[in-house]
């Protein structure tokens, strides 16, 4: 069984602390293509989350 609390902490840390430039740096410095793809997906997720906030708040 996985440690759900540990993964929730990782998720929250990523949501709260990663900026677009951070995810770009992670992609550029990734050691493998799998890591690069993972960080790309995280960056896309954070971008979409921000876009949703803008659209819902009618800030465009």
PDB file of N, CA and C in Angstrom:
ATOM      1  N   UNK A   1       0.843  -1.178   0.000  1.00  0.00           N
ATOM      2  CA  UNK A   1       0.000   0.000   0.000  1.00  0.00           C
ATOM      3  C   UNK A   1       0.889   1.242   0.000  1.00  0.00           C
ATOM      4  N   UNK A   2       0.512   2.251  -0.809  1.00  0.00           N
ATOM      5  CA  UNK A   2       1.341   3.450  -0.906  1.00  0.00           C
ATOM      6  C   UNK A   2       1.052   4.410   0.247  1.00  0.00           C
ATOM      7  N   UNK A   3       1.995   5.283   0.478  1.00  0.00           N
ATOM      8  CA  UNK A   3       1.878   6.295   1.525  1.00  0.00           C
ATOM      9  C   UNK A   3       1.170   7.516   0.926  1.00  0.00           C
ATOM     10  N   UNK A   4      -0.159   7.541   1.045  1.00  0.00           N
ATOM     11  CA  UNK A   4      -0.971   8.588   0.429  1.00  0.00           C
ATOM     12  C   UNK A   4      -0.556   9.965   0.928  1.00  0.00           C
ATOM     13  N   UNK A   5      -0.300  10.100   2.190  1.00  0.00           N
ATOM     14  CA  UNK A   5       0.083  11.403   2.763  1.00  0.00           C
ATOM     15  C   UNK A   5       1.375  11.920   2.142  1.00  0.00           C
ATOM     16  N   UNK A   6       2.321  11.031   1.887  1.00  0.00           N
ATOM     17  CA  UNK A   6       3.586  11.446   1.275  1.00  0.00           C
ATOM     18  C   UNK A   6       3.350  11.982  -0.135  1.00  0.00           C
ATOM     19  N   UNK A   7       2.483  11.311  -0.898  1.00  0.00           N
ATOM     20  CA  UNK A   7       2.195  11.773  -2.260  1.00  0.00           C
ATOM     21  C   UNK A   7       1.365  13.049  -2.260  1.00  0.00           C
ATOM     22  N   UNK A   8       0.483  13.202  -1.274  1.00  0.00           N
ATOM     23  CA  UNK A   8      -0.266  14.451  -1.153  1.00  0.00           C
ATOM     24  C   UNK A   8       0.686  15.612  -0.872  1.00  0.00           C
ATOM     25  N   UNK A   9       1.700  15.372  -0.055  1.00  0.00           N
ATOM     26  CA  UNK A   9       2.685  16.421   0.238  1.00  0.00           C
ATOM     27  C   UNK A   9       3.457  16.788  -1.020  1.00  0.00           C
ATOM     28  N   UNK A  10       3.859  15.798  -1.796  1.00  0.00           N
ATOM     29  CA  UNK A  10       4.568  16.063  -3.050  1.00  0.00           C
ATOM     30  C   UNK A  10       3.691  16.886  -3.984  1.00  0.00           C
ATOM     31  N   UNK A  11       2.434  16.480  -4.117  1.00  0.00           N
ATOM     32  CA  UNK A  11       1.482  17.204  -4.966  1.00  0.00           C
ATOM     33  C   UNK A  11       1.364  18.660  -4.513  1.00  0.00           C
ATOM     34  N   UNK A  12       1.122  18.860  -3.220  1.00  0.00           N
ATOM     35  CA  UNK A  12       0.959  20.218  -2.702  1.00  0.00           C
ATOM     36  C   UNK A  12       2.219  21.046  -2.869  1.00  0.00           C
ATOM     37  N   UNK A  13       3.370  20.450  -2.661  1.00  0.00           N
ATOM     38  CA  UNK A  13       4.631  21.169  -2.867  1.00  0.00           C
ATOM     39  C   UNK A  13       4.768  21.610  -4.325  1.00  0.00           C
ATOM     40  N   UNK A  14       4.417  20.732  -5.238  1.00  0.00           N
ATOM     41  CA  UNK A  14       4.538  21.062  -6.663  1.00  0.00           C
ATOM     42  C   UNK A  14       3.551  22.163  -7.044  1.00  0.00           C
ATOM     43  N   UNK A  15       2.319  22.062  -6.558  1.00  0.00           N
ATOM     44  CA  UNK A  15       1.295  23.052  -6.877  1.00  0.00           C
ATOM     45  C   UNK A  15       1.681  24.420  -6.315  1.00  0.00           C
ATOM     46  N   UNK A  16       2.162  24.434  -5.083  1.00  0.00           N
ATOM     47  CA  UNK A  16       2.441  25.689  -4.391  1.00  0.00           C
ATOM     48  C   UNK A  16       3.750  26.354  -4.810  1.00  0.00           C
ATOM     49  N   UNK A  17       4.730  25.560  -5.221  1.00  0.00           N
ATOM     50  CA  UNK A  17       6.074  26.108  -5.360  1.00  0.00           C
ATOM     51  C   UNK A  17       6.614  26.203  -6.784  1.00  0.00           C
ATOM     52  N   UNK A  18       6.092  25.396  -7.710  1.00  0.00           N
ATOM     53  CA  UNK A  18       6.672  25.401  -9.055  1.00  0.00           C
ATOM     54  C   UNK A  18       6.122  26.528  -9.901  1.00  0.00           C
ATOM     55  N   UNK A  19       7.028  27.253 -10.520  1.00  0.00           N
ATOM     56  CA  UNK A  19       6.660  28.293 -11.475  1.00  0.00           C
ATOM     57  C   UNK A  19       6.900  27.743 -12.885  1.00  0.00           C
ATOM     58  N   UNK A  20       6.398  28.442 -13.904  1.00  0.00           N
ATOM     59  CA  UNK A  20       6.679  27.983 -15.269  1.00  0.00           C
ATOM     60  C   UNK A  20       8.182  27.865 -15.563  1.00  0.00           C
ATOM     61  N   UNK A  21       8.970  28.797 -15.044  1.00  0.00           N
ATOM     62  CA  UNK A  21      10.416  28.709 -15.294  1.00  0.00           C
ATOM     63  C   UNK A  21      11.030  27.513 -14.559  1.00  0.00           C
ATOM     64  N   UNK A  22      10.471  27.154 -13.414  1.00  0.00           N
ATOM     65  CA  UNK A  22      10.950  25.966 -12.694  1.00  0.00           C
ATOM     66  C   UNK A  22      10.691  24.699 -13.504  1.00  0.00           C
ATOM     67  N   UNK A  23       9.481  24.571 -14.056  1.00  0.00           N
ATOM     68  CA  UNK A  23       9.185  23.361 -14.822  1.00  0.00           C
ATOM     69  C   UNK A  23      10.036  23.304 -16.086  1.00  0.00           C
ATOM     70  N   UNK A  24      10.311  24.459 -16.684  1.00  0.00           N
ATOM     71  CA  UNK A  24      11.200  24.480 -17.849  1.00  0.00           C
ATOM     72  C   UNK A  24      12.600  24.019 -17.454  1.00  0.00           C
ATOM     73  N   UNK A  25      13.106  24.511 -16.342  1.00  0.00           N
ATOM     74  CA  UNK A  25      14.430  24.096 -15.875  1.00  0.00           C
ATOM     75  C   UNK A  25      14.463  22.595 -15.607  1.00  0.00           C
ATOM     76  N   UNK A  26      13.413  22.080 -14.975  1.00  0.00           N
ATOM     77  CA  UNK A  26      13.348  20.642 -14.708  1.00  0.00           C
ATOM     78  C   UNK A  26      13.374  19.848 -16.012  1.00  0.00           C
ATOM     79  N   UNK A  27      12.653  20.310 -17.023  1.00  0.00           N
ATOM     80  CA  UNK A  27      12.648  19.610 -18.316  1.00  0.00           C
ATOM     81  C   UNK A  27      14.028  19.650 -18.962  1.00  0.00           C
ATOM     82  N   UNK A  28      14.656  20.807 -18.912  1.00  0.00           N
ATOM     83  CA  UNK A  28      15.966  20.960 -19.556  1.00  0.00           C
ATOM     84  C   UNK A  28      17.050  20.131 -18.870  1.00  0.00           C
ATOM     85  N   UNK A  29      16.920  19.947 -17.571  1.00  0.00           N
ATOM     86  CA  UNK A  29      17.947  19.230 -16.821  1.00  0.00           C
ATOM     87  C   UNK A  29      17.585  17.770 -16.530  1.00  0.00           C
ATOM     88  N   UNK A  30      16.450  17.314 -17.033  1.00  0.00           N
ATOM     89  CA  UNK A  30      16.032  15.929 -16.803  1.00  0.00           C
ATOM     90  C   UNK A  30      17.050  14.969 -17.409  1.00  0.00           C
ATOM     91  N   UNK A  31      17.276  13.876 -16.720  1.00  0.00           N
ATOM     92  CA  UNK A  31      18.262  12.898 -17.172  1.00  0.00           C
ATOM     93  C   UNK A  31      17.707  11.940 -18.217  1.00  0.00           C
ATOM     94  N   UNK A  32      16.402  11.736 -18.196  1.00  0.00           N
ATOM     95  CA  UNK A  32      15.803  10.782 -19.137  1.00  0.00           C
ATOM     96  C   UNK A  32      14.614  11.419 -19.851  1.00  0.00           C
ATOM     97  N   UNK A  33      14.229  10.817 -20.945  1.00  0.00           N
ATOM     98  CA  UNK A  33      13.061  11.284 -21.693  1.00  0.00           C
ATOM     99  C   UNK A  33      11.790  11.120 -20.852  1.00  0.00           C
ATOM    100  N   UNK A  34      11.712  10.051 -20.065  1.00  0.00           N
ATOM    101  CA  UNK A  34      10.550   9.850 -19.191  1.00  0.00           C
ATOM    102  C   UNK A  34      10.423  10.983 -18.170  1.00  0.00           C
ATOM    103  N   UNK A  35      11.537  11.377 -17.580  1.00  0.00           N
ATOM    104  CA  UNK A  35      11.514  12.488 -16.629  1.00  0.00           C
ATOM    105  C   UNK A  35      11.094  13.769 -17.333  1.00  0.00           C
ATOM    106  N   UNK A  36      11.651  14.010 -18.504  1.00  0.00           N
ATOM    107  CA  UNK A  36      11.318  15.206 -19.287  1.00  0.00           C
ATOM    108  C   UNK A  36       9.813  15.246 -19.574  1.00  0.00           C
ATOM    109  N   UNK A  37       9.252  14.112 -19.976  1.00  0.00           N
ATOM    110  CA  UNK A  37       7.816  14.038 -20.254  1.00  0.00           C
ATOM    111  C   UNK A  37       6.988  14.275 -18.995  1.00  0.00           C
ATOM    112  N   UNK A  38       7.442  13.733 -17.878  1.00  0.00           N
ATOM    113  CA  UNK A  38       6.733  13.936 -16.617  1.00  0.00           C
ATOM    114  C   UNK A  38       6.689  15.424 -16.268  1.00  0.00           C
ATOM    115  N   UNK A  39       7.831  16.092 -16.325  1.00  0.00           N
ATOM    116  CA  UNK A  39       7.872  17.514 -15.987  1.00  0.00           C
ATOM    117  C   UNK A  39       7.084  18.346 -16.993  1.00  0.00           C
ATOM    118  N   UNK A  40       7.056  17.922 -18.229  1.00  0.00           N
ATOM    119  CA  UNK A  40       6.258  18.609 -19.249  1.00  0.00           C
ATOM    120  C   UNK A  40       4.771  18.496 -18.898  1.00  0.00           C
ATOM    121  N   UNK A  41       4.350  17.305 -18.475  1.00  0.00           N
ATOM    122  CA  UNK A  41       2.946  17.117 -18.083  1.00  0.00           C
ATOM    123  C   UNK A  41       2.601  17.946 -16.849  1.00  0.00           C
ATOM    124  N   UNK A  42       3.518  18.005 -15.897  1.00  0.00           N
ATOM    125  CA  UNK A  42       3.290  18.817 -14.695  1.00  0.00           C
ATOM    126  C   UNK A  42       3.160  20.290 -15.097  1.00  0.00           C
ATOM    127  N   UNK A  43       4.049  20.757 -15.953  1.00  0.00           N
ATOM    128  CA  UNK A  43       3.988  22.144 -16.420  1.00  0.00           C
ATOM    129  C   UNK A  43       2.689  22.437 -17.143  1.00  0.00           C
ATOM    130  N   UNK A  44       2.255  21.518 -17.993  1.00  0.00           N
ATOM    131  CA  UNK A  44       0.987  21.696 -18.703  1.00  0.00           C
ATOM    132  C   UNK A  44      -0.188  21.716 -17.736  1.00  0.00           C
ATOM    133  N   UNK A  45      -0.160  20.850 -16.737  1.00  0.00           N
ATOM    134  CA  UNK A  45      -1.214  20.821 -15.729  1.00  0.00           C
ATOM    135  C   UNK A  45      -1.302  22.159 -15.000  1.00  0.00           C
ATOM    136  N   UNK A  46      -0.148  22.683 -14.584  1.00  0.00           N
ATOM    137  CA  UNK A  46      -0.137  23.959 -13.861  1.00  0.00           C
ATOM    138  C   UNK A  46      -0.610  25.100 -14.753  1.00  0.00           C
ATOM    139  N   UNK A  47      -0.231  25.072 -16.024  1.00  0.00           N
ATOM    140  CA  UNK A  47      -0.685  26.088 -16.968  1.00  0.00           C
ATOM    141  C   UNK A  47      -2.201  26.030 -17.131  1.00  0.00           C
ATOM    142  N   UNK A  48      -2.735  24.835 -17.312  1.00  0.00           N
ATOM    143  CA  UNK A  48      -4.182  24.676 -17.467  1.00  0.00           C
ATOM    144  C   UNK A  48      -4.929  25.109 -16.207  1.00  0.00           C
ATOM    145  N   UNK A  49      -4.360  24.816 -15.061  1.00  0.00           N
ATOM    146  CA  UNK A  49      -4.967  25.231 -13.792  1.00  0.00           C
ATOM    147  C   UNK A  49      -5.031  26.756 -13.718  1.00  0.00           C
ATOM    148  N   UNK A  50      -3.962  27.420 -14.126  1.00  0.00           N
ATOM    149  CA  UNK A  50      -3.943  28.884 -14.149  1.00  0.00           C
ATOM    150  C   UNK A  50      -4.929  29.451 -15.163  1.00  0.00           C
ATOM    151  N   UNK A  51      -5.005  28.827 -16.333  1.00  0.00           N
ATOM    152  CA  UNK A  51      -5.949  29.273 -17.358  1.00  0.00           C
ATOM    153  C   UNK A  51      -7.383  29.147 -16.862  1.00  0.00           C
ATOM    154  N   UNK A  52      -7.683  28.070 -16.167  1.00  0.00           N
ATOM    155  CA  UNK A  52      -9.029  27.865 -15.633  1.00  0.00           C
ATOM    156  C   UNK A  52      -9.385  28.972 -14.654  1.00  0.00           C
ATOM    157  N   UNK A  53      -8.436  29.356 -13.819  1.00  0.00           N
ATOM    158  CA  UNK A  53      -8.666  30.427 -12.852  1.00  0.00           C
ATOM    159  C   UNK A  53      -8.960  31.742 -13.571  1.00  0.00           C
ATOM    160  N   UNK A  54      -8.204  32.028 -14.613  1.00  0.00           N
ATOM    161  CA  UNK A  54      -8.409  33.262 -15.379  1.00  0.00           C
ATOM    162  C   UNK A  54      -9.775  33.264 -16.055  1.00  0.00           C
ATOM    163  N   UNK A  55     -10.135  32.172 -16.690  1.00  0.00           N
ATOM    164  CA  UNK A  55     -11.413  32.076 -17.395  1.00  0.00           C
ATOM    165  C   UNK A  55     -12.577  32.170 -16.409  1.00  0.00           C
ATOM    166  N   UNK A  56     -12.501  31.428 -15.315  1.00  0.00           N
ATOM    167  CA  UNK A  56     -13.587  31.452 -14.333  1.00  0.00           C
ATOM    168  C   UNK A  56     -13.740  32.826 -13.687  1.00  0.00           C
ATOM    169  N   UNK A  57     -12.635  33.539 -13.533  1.00  0.00           N
ATOM    170  CA  UNK A  57     -12.678  34.863 -12.949  1.00  0.00           C
ATOM    171  C   UNK A  57     -12.935  35.963 -13.961  1.00  0.00           C
ATOM    172  N   UNK A  58     -13.120  35.571 -15.219  1.00  0.00           N
ATOM    173  CA  UNK A  58     -13.355  36.504 -16.330  1.00  0.00           C
ATOM    174  C   UNK A  58     -12.307  37.616 -16.347  1.00  0.00           C
ATOM    175  N   UNK A  59     -11.062  37.205 -16.176  1.00  0.00           N
ATOM    176  CA  UNK A  59      -9.941  38.140 -16.119  1.00  0.00           C
ATOM    177  C   UNK A  59      -9.262  38.321 -17.486  1.00  0.00           C
ATOM    178  N   UNK A  60      -9.919  37.919 -18.544  1.00  0.00           N
ATOM    179  CA  UNK A  60      -9.305  38.024 -19.868  1.00  0.00           C
ATOM    180  C   UNK A  60      -9.927  39.119 -20.672  1.00  0.00           C
TER     181      UNK A  60
END
